């Protein structure tokens, strides 16, 4: 049975950009893992912006999201205060909006694993100082 995992923009961009340094790793990760991917609209926006060099890549990404059944954790107006708290807390990194939405998704869903090419998730903590474990390089 597939387990839920959060997915950041990096692996998704790499999946659809053959020139990305993590392209082969992303292909292998998606092929080999028994996960159901959960992300946010902010992450999807970031991916589509970064692969806007090719509308076919954008369409391919959207088709993959639909066929793979990627779930979107909705971030609403009531979450902006929490985004602000997290942005202030991690201002030294700095934390971007998409990362803040993924931390909020982790807090709300109980998902404690993520696929990310960034080391930021080694720093971010949930309440109780719990870490979101990055399994992309595992």
N, C-alpha and C. Protein backbone atom coordinates (compact mmCIF):
# COMPACT_ATOMS: atom_id res chain seq x y z
N UNK A 1 0.85 -1.18 0.00
CA UNK A 1 0.00 0.00 0.00
C UNK A 1 0.89 1.24 0.00
N UNK A 2 0.56 2.19 -0.85
CA UNK A 2 1.34 3.42 -0.96
C UNK A 2 1.12 4.31 0.25
N UNK A 3 2.23 4.91 0.70
CA UNK A 3 2.16 5.87 1.79
C UNK A 3 2.21 7.27 1.20
N UNK A 4 1.60 8.22 1.90
CA UNK A 4 1.65 9.61 1.46
C UNK A 4 3.02 10.21 1.74
N UNK A 5 3.48 11.03 0.81
CA UNK A 5 4.73 11.76 0.96
C UNK A 5 4.54 13.14 0.36
N UNK A 6 5.10 14.13 1.03
CA UNK A 6 5.09 15.48 0.48
C UNK A 6 6.15 15.56 -0.61
N UNK A 7 5.90 16.37 -1.62
CA UNK A 7 6.90 16.54 -2.68
C UNK A 7 7.07 18.03 -2.95
N UNK A 8 8.32 18.44 -2.93
CA UNK A 8 8.72 19.82 -3.19
C UNK A 8 8.92 20.01 -4.70
N UNK A 9 9.15 21.24 -5.09
CA UNK A 9 9.27 21.56 -6.52
C UNK A 9 10.50 20.92 -7.18
N UNK A 10 11.62 20.87 -6.47
CA UNK A 10 12.86 20.41 -7.08
C UNK A 10 12.78 19.08 -7.80
N UNK A 11 12.31 18.02 -7.14
CA UNK A 11 12.21 16.73 -7.83
C UNK A 11 11.23 16.76 -9.01
N UNK A 12 10.18 17.56 -8.88
CA UNK A 12 9.19 17.64 -9.96
C UNK A 12 9.76 18.39 -11.16
N UNK A 13 10.49 19.46 -10.90
CA UNK A 13 11.16 20.17 -12.00
C UNK A 13 12.14 19.24 -12.68
N UNK A 14 12.94 18.54 -11.89
CA UNK A 14 13.94 17.63 -12.43
C UNK A 14 13.31 16.53 -13.27
N UNK A 15 12.15 16.09 -12.86
CA UNK A 15 11.45 15.02 -13.58
C UNK A 15 11.12 15.44 -15.01
N UNK A 16 10.83 16.72 -15.21
CA UNK A 16 10.39 17.20 -16.52
C UNK A 16 11.41 18.08 -17.23
N UNK A 17 12.61 18.19 -16.69
CA UNK A 17 13.68 18.94 -17.33
C UNK A 17 14.89 18.02 -17.47
N UNK A 18 15.08 17.48 -18.66
CA UNK A 18 16.16 16.52 -18.90
C UNK A 18 17.54 17.11 -18.65
N UNK A 19 17.66 18.43 -18.64
CA UNK A 19 18.95 19.07 -18.39
C UNK A 19 19.22 19.32 -16.90
N UNK A 20 18.25 19.05 -16.07
CA UNK A 20 18.39 19.27 -14.63
C UNK A 20 19.38 18.26 -14.05
N UNK A 21 20.20 18.73 -13.12
CA UNK A 21 21.21 17.86 -12.50
C UNK A 21 20.59 16.67 -11.78
N UNK A 22 19.35 16.79 -11.34
CA UNK A 22 18.69 15.71 -10.60
C UNK A 22 17.70 14.91 -11.46
N UNK A 23 17.76 15.08 -12.77
CA UNK A 23 16.78 14.42 -13.66
C UNK A 23 16.78 12.90 -13.49
N UNK A 24 17.93 12.28 -13.59
CA UNK A 24 18.00 10.81 -13.49
C UNK A 24 17.56 10.34 -12.12
N UNK A 25 17.96 11.05 -11.09
CA UNK A 25 17.56 10.70 -9.72
C UNK A 25 16.05 10.80 -9.57
N UNK A 26 15.45 11.84 -10.15
CA UNK A 26 14.00 12.02 -10.06
C UNK A 26 13.27 10.89 -10.80
N UNK A 27 13.77 10.52 -11.96
CA UNK A 27 13.16 9.41 -12.70
C UNK A 27 13.20 8.12 -11.88
N UNK A 28 14.34 7.84 -11.29
CA UNK A 28 14.49 6.62 -10.48
C UNK A 28 13.62 6.69 -9.24
N UNK A 29 13.55 7.84 -8.61
CA UNK A 29 12.77 7.99 -7.39
C UNK A 29 11.29 7.73 -7.66
N UNK A 30 10.78 8.32 -8.71
CA UNK A 30 9.36 8.16 -9.04
C UNK A 30 9.06 6.72 -9.44
N UNK A 31 10.00 6.08 -10.12
CA UNK A 31 9.79 4.71 -10.57
C UNK A 31 9.86 3.70 -9.43
N UNK A 32 10.66 3.99 -8.42
CA UNK A 32 10.97 2.99 -7.40
C UNK A 32 10.25 3.14 -6.06
N UNK A 33 9.49 4.19 -5.89
CA UNK A 33 8.92 4.41 -4.56
C UNK A 33 7.42 4.11 -4.53
N UNK A 34 6.99 3.53 -3.42
CA UNK A 34 5.57 3.22 -3.26
C UNK A 34 4.81 4.35 -2.56
N UNK A 35 4.99 5.57 -3.06
CA UNK A 35 4.39 6.72 -2.41
C UNK A 35 3.25 7.31 -3.23
N UNK A 36 2.32 7.90 -2.52
CA UNK A 36 1.33 8.79 -3.13
C UNK A 36 1.79 10.20 -2.84
N UNK A 37 1.96 11.00 -3.87
CA UNK A 37 2.52 12.33 -3.70
C UNK A 37 1.47 13.34 -3.29
N UNK A 38 1.84 14.19 -2.33
CA UNK A 38 1.00 15.28 -1.85
C UNK A 38 1.82 16.55 -1.98
N UNK A 39 1.23 17.59 -2.54
CA UNK A 39 1.93 18.85 -2.68
C UNK A 39 0.93 19.98 -2.51
N UNK A 40 1.35 21.19 -2.82
CA UNK A 40 0.48 22.36 -2.68
C UNK A 40 0.42 23.11 -4.00
N UNK A 41 -0.56 23.97 -4.12
CA UNK A 41 -0.69 24.79 -5.32
C UNK A 41 0.55 25.67 -5.50
N UNK A 42 1.11 26.15 -4.40
CA UNK A 42 2.32 26.98 -4.48
C UNK A 42 3.46 26.20 -5.14
N UNK A 43 3.61 24.94 -4.78
CA UNK A 43 4.66 24.11 -5.38
C UNK A 43 4.36 23.90 -6.87
N UNK A 44 3.11 23.62 -7.20
CA UNK A 44 2.76 23.43 -8.61
C UNK A 44 3.05 24.69 -9.41
N UNK A 45 2.75 25.85 -8.86
CA UNK A 45 3.03 27.11 -9.53
C UNK A 45 4.52 27.27 -9.79
N UNK A 46 5.32 26.95 -8.77
CA UNK A 46 6.78 27.04 -8.91
C UNK A 46 7.28 26.10 -10.01
N UNK A 47 6.78 24.89 -10.03
CA UNK A 47 7.20 23.93 -11.06
C UNK A 47 6.84 24.44 -12.45
N UNK A 48 5.61 24.86 -12.62
CA UNK A 48 5.17 25.32 -13.94
C UNK A 48 5.94 26.56 -14.39
N UNK A 49 6.29 27.42 -13.45
CA UNK A 49 7.11 28.59 -13.79
C UNK A 49 8.51 28.17 -14.24
N UNK A 50 9.09 27.23 -13.54
CA UNK A 50 10.47 26.83 -13.84
C UNK A 50 10.58 26.00 -15.13
N UNK A 51 9.50 25.36 -15.53
CA UNK A 51 9.56 24.60 -16.80
C UNK A 51 8.81 25.32 -17.92
N UNK A 52 8.65 26.65 -17.77
CA UNK A 52 7.92 27.40 -18.77
C UNK A 52 8.69 27.58 -20.08
N UNK A 53 9.91 27.05 -20.14
CA UNK A 53 10.70 27.09 -21.37
C UNK A 53 10.10 26.21 -22.45
N UNK A 54 9.17 25.33 -22.06
CA UNK A 54 8.61 24.38 -23.01
C UNK A 54 7.17 24.03 -22.61
N UNK A 55 6.23 24.50 -23.39
CA UNK A 55 4.83 24.23 -23.05
C UNK A 55 4.54 22.72 -23.03
N UNK A 56 5.28 21.95 -23.82
CA UNK A 56 5.09 20.49 -23.80
C UNK A 56 5.50 19.91 -22.45
N UNK A 57 6.55 20.48 -21.84
CA UNK A 57 6.96 20.04 -20.51
C UNK A 57 5.88 20.39 -19.49
N UNK A 58 5.30 21.58 -19.62
CA UNK A 58 4.22 21.97 -18.72
C UNK A 58 3.02 21.04 -18.86
N UNK A 59 2.64 20.75 -20.08
CA UNK A 59 1.51 19.85 -20.33
C UNK A 59 1.85 18.45 -19.80
N UNK A 60 3.06 18.00 -20.06
CA UNK A 60 3.48 16.69 -19.55
C UNK A 60 3.41 16.63 -18.03
N UNK A 61 3.83 17.70 -17.37
CA UNK A 61 3.76 17.74 -15.91
C UNK A 61 2.31 17.67 -15.45
N UNK A 62 1.45 18.47 -16.04
CA UNK A 62 0.03 18.47 -15.63
C UNK A 62 -0.63 17.12 -15.90
N UNK A 63 -0.30 16.50 -17.03
CA UNK A 63 -0.83 15.16 -17.31
C UNK A 63 -0.33 14.16 -16.28
N UNK A 64 0.94 14.27 -15.89
CA UNK A 64 1.50 13.37 -14.89
C UNK A 64 0.80 13.56 -13.55
N UNK A 65 0.54 14.80 -13.17
CA UNK A 65 -0.17 15.08 -11.91
C UNK A 65 -1.53 14.41 -11.92
N UNK A 66 -2.25 14.54 -13.04
CA UNK A 66 -3.59 13.94 -13.15
C UNK A 66 -3.50 12.42 -13.13
N UNK A 67 -2.60 11.86 -13.94
CA UNK A 67 -2.53 10.39 -14.04
C UNK A 67 -1.95 9.75 -12.79
N UNK A 68 -1.02 10.43 -12.15
CA UNK A 68 -0.39 9.90 -10.94
C UNK A 68 -1.31 10.07 -9.73
N UNK A 69 -2.26 10.98 -9.86
CA UNK A 69 -3.17 11.21 -8.75
C UNK A 69 -2.54 12.01 -7.63
N UNK A 70 -1.68 12.96 -7.99
CA UNK A 70 -1.05 13.82 -6.98
C UNK A 70 -2.15 14.58 -6.25
N UNK A 71 -2.08 14.55 -4.93
CA UNK A 71 -3.07 15.24 -4.11
C UNK A 71 -2.57 16.63 -3.77
N UNK A 72 -3.49 17.59 -3.80
CA UNK A 72 -3.14 18.95 -3.42
C UNK A 72 -3.67 19.24 -2.03
N UNK A 73 -2.77 19.65 -1.15
CA UNK A 73 -3.19 20.12 0.17
C UNK A 73 -3.46 21.61 0.02
N UNK A 74 -4.67 21.99 0.25
CA UNK A 74 -5.08 23.38 0.04
C UNK A 74 -4.57 24.29 1.15
N UNK A 75 -4.04 25.40 0.74
CA UNK A 75 -3.62 26.46 1.64
C UNK A 75 -4.59 27.61 1.40
N UNK A 76 -5.22 28.07 2.47
CA UNK A 76 -6.22 29.12 2.32
C UNK A 76 -5.81 30.42 2.98
N UNK A 77 -6.68 31.37 2.89
CA UNK A 77 -6.45 32.68 3.46
C UNK A 77 -6.13 32.60 4.95
N UNK A 78 -6.79 31.68 5.64
CA UNK A 78 -6.57 31.54 7.08
C UNK A 78 -5.17 31.01 7.41
N UNK A 79 -4.45 30.51 6.42
CA UNK A 79 -3.10 29.97 6.64
C UNK A 79 -2.00 31.03 6.48
N UNK A 80 -2.35 32.20 5.99
CA UNK A 80 -1.33 33.21 5.72
C UNK A 80 -0.62 33.64 7.00
N UNK A 81 -1.34 33.71 8.11
CA UNK A 81 -0.68 34.04 9.38
C UNK A 81 0.38 33.03 9.74
N UNK A 82 0.12 31.75 9.50
CA UNK A 82 1.12 30.70 9.79
C UNK A 82 2.29 30.81 8.81
N UNK A 83 2.01 31.13 7.54
CA UNK A 83 3.09 31.36 6.57
C UNK A 83 3.98 32.49 7.07
N UNK A 84 3.38 33.56 7.58
CA UNK A 84 4.14 34.69 8.11
C UNK A 84 5.01 34.26 9.29
N UNK A 85 4.44 33.48 10.22
CA UNK A 85 5.22 32.99 11.37
C UNK A 85 6.43 32.18 10.91
N UNK A 86 6.21 31.27 9.99
CA UNK A 86 7.30 30.42 9.50
C UNK A 86 8.34 31.23 8.74
N UNK A 87 7.89 32.19 7.95
CA UNK A 87 8.82 33.03 7.19
C UNK A 87 9.70 33.84 8.13
N UNK A 88 9.12 34.35 9.19
CA UNK A 88 9.92 35.08 10.18
C UNK A 88 10.89 34.15 10.90
N UNK A 89 10.41 32.98 11.28
CA UNK A 89 11.25 32.03 12.02
C UNK A 89 12.47 31.60 11.21
N UNK A 90 12.28 31.40 9.92
CA UNK A 90 13.36 30.90 9.06
C UNK A 90 13.88 31.98 8.11
N UNK A 91 13.81 33.23 8.53
CA UNK A 91 14.23 34.35 7.69
C UNK A 91 15.70 34.26 7.30
N UNK A 92 16.52 33.60 8.10
CA UNK A 92 17.95 33.48 7.81
C UNK A 92 18.23 32.54 6.65
N UNK A 93 17.28 31.68 6.26
CA UNK A 93 17.54 30.76 5.14
C UNK A 93 17.46 31.45 3.77
N UNK A 94 16.54 32.20 3.37
CA UNK A 94 15.18 32.41 3.87
C UNK A 94 14.23 31.31 3.38
N UNK A 95 13.11 31.18 4.08
CA UNK A 95 12.06 30.23 3.69
C UNK A 95 11.21 30.87 2.60
N UNK A 96 10.95 30.11 1.54
CA UNK A 96 10.06 30.65 0.51
C UNK A 96 8.61 30.20 0.77
N UNK A 97 7.70 30.80 0.02
CA UNK A 97 6.27 30.54 0.22
C UNK A 97 5.93 29.07 0.02
N UNK A 98 6.48 28.46 -1.02
CA UNK A 98 6.16 27.06 -1.30
C UNK A 98 6.61 26.16 -0.15
N UNK A 99 7.80 26.41 0.38
CA UNK A 99 8.29 25.61 1.51
C UNK A 99 7.39 25.79 2.73
N UNK A 100 6.96 27.03 2.98
CA UNK A 100 6.07 27.28 4.11
C UNK A 100 4.77 26.49 3.95
N UNK A 101 4.25 26.43 2.74
CA UNK A 101 3.00 25.68 2.53
C UNK A 101 3.20 24.19 2.76
N UNK A 102 4.40 23.68 2.43
CA UNK A 102 4.67 22.26 2.67
C UNK A 102 4.80 21.96 4.16
N UNK A 103 5.39 22.88 4.92
CA UNK A 103 5.46 22.69 6.37
C UNK A 103 4.05 22.70 6.96
N UNK A 104 3.22 23.61 6.50
CA UNK A 104 1.83 23.65 6.96
C UNK A 104 1.12 22.35 6.59
N UNK A 105 1.34 21.85 5.39
CA UNK A 105 0.74 20.58 4.98
C UNK A 105 1.19 19.45 5.90
N UNK A 106 2.46 19.44 6.26
CA UNK A 106 2.98 18.41 7.18
C UNK A 106 2.30 18.52 8.54
N UNK A 107 2.15 19.75 9.02
CA UNK A 107 1.49 19.96 10.31
C UNK A 107 0.05 19.45 10.28
N UNK A 108 -0.65 19.70 9.21
CA UNK A 108 -2.07 19.36 9.13
C UNK A 108 -2.35 17.90 8.81
N UNK A 109 -1.49 17.29 8.00
CA UNK A 109 -1.77 15.93 7.53
C UNK A 109 -1.09 14.85 8.36
N UNK A 110 -0.05 15.22 9.09
CA UNK A 110 0.72 14.22 9.82
C UNK A 110 1.76 13.53 8.95
N UNK A 111 1.91 13.94 7.70
CA UNK A 111 2.93 13.37 6.82
C UNK A 111 4.28 13.88 7.31
N UNK A 112 5.21 12.97 7.51
CA UNK A 112 6.52 13.34 8.06
C UNK A 112 7.68 13.02 7.12
N UNK A 113 7.38 12.75 5.85
CA UNK A 113 8.43 12.52 4.86
C UNK A 113 8.20 13.45 3.68
N UNK A 114 9.30 13.82 3.05
CA UNK A 114 9.24 14.72 1.90
C UNK A 114 10.29 14.31 0.89
N UNK A 115 10.04 14.62 -0.36
CA UNK A 115 11.05 14.50 -1.42
C UNK A 115 11.41 15.92 -1.82
N UNK A 116 12.68 16.27 -1.60
CA UNK A 116 13.15 17.62 -1.92
C UNK A 116 14.62 17.55 -2.31
N UNK A 117 15.04 18.43 -3.21
CA UNK A 117 16.46 18.53 -3.55
C UNK A 117 17.16 19.54 -2.65
N UNK A 118 16.41 20.23 -1.82
CA UNK A 118 16.95 21.28 -0.95
C UNK A 118 17.27 20.73 0.44
N UNK A 119 18.29 21.30 1.04
CA UNK A 119 18.65 20.91 2.40
C UNK A 119 17.83 21.68 3.45
N UNK A 120 17.00 22.62 3.01
CA UNK A 120 16.20 23.41 3.95
C UNK A 120 15.34 22.55 4.87
N UNK A 121 14.85 21.45 4.35
CA UNK A 121 13.98 20.60 5.17
C UNK A 121 14.77 19.86 6.26
N UNK A 122 16.09 19.92 6.21
CA UNK A 122 16.90 19.42 7.32
C UNK A 122 16.86 20.39 8.49
N UNK A 123 16.49 21.64 8.22
CA UNK A 123 16.46 22.70 9.22
C UNK A 123 15.05 22.92 9.77
N UNK A 124 14.06 22.92 8.89
CA UNK A 124 12.68 23.20 9.31
C UNK A 124 12.23 22.19 10.35
N UNK A 125 11.47 22.66 11.32
CA UNK A 125 10.94 21.79 12.36
C UNK A 125 9.45 22.02 12.52
N UNK A 126 8.77 20.95 12.87
CA UNK A 126 7.36 20.99 13.19
C UNK A 126 7.22 21.25 14.69
N UNK A 127 6.02 21.53 15.16
CA UNK A 127 5.84 21.68 16.61
C UNK A 127 6.42 20.46 17.34
N UNK A 128 7.03 20.69 18.48
CA UNK A 128 7.70 19.62 19.21
C UNK A 128 9.08 19.31 18.66
N UNK A 129 9.57 20.18 17.77
CA UNK A 129 10.90 20.05 17.15
C UNK A 129 11.04 18.82 16.26
N UNK A 130 9.90 18.29 15.81
CA UNK A 130 9.91 17.11 14.94
C UNK A 130 10.36 17.51 13.53
N UNK A 131 11.19 16.67 12.94
CA UNK A 131 11.73 16.92 11.61
C UNK A 131 10.87 16.26 10.54
N UNK A 132 10.84 16.88 9.37
CA UNK A 132 10.25 16.27 8.19
C UNK A 132 11.42 15.57 7.49
N UNK A 133 11.38 14.28 7.38
CA UNK A 133 12.52 13.50 6.85
C UNK A 133 12.52 13.52 5.32
N UNK A 134 13.64 13.98 4.75
CA UNK A 134 13.79 14.04 3.31
C UNK A 134 14.30 12.70 2.80
N UNK A 135 13.50 12.02 1.99
CA UNK A 135 13.86 10.69 1.50
C UNK A 135 14.29 10.69 0.04
N UNK A 136 14.41 11.87 -0.56
CA UNK A 136 14.79 11.91 -1.98
C UNK A 136 16.18 11.36 -2.22
N UNK A 137 17.07 11.58 -1.28
CA UNK A 137 18.45 11.12 -1.43
C UNK A 137 18.71 9.83 -0.65
N UNK A 138 17.66 9.24 -0.11
CA UNK A 138 17.82 8.05 0.73
C UNK A 138 18.11 6.79 0.00
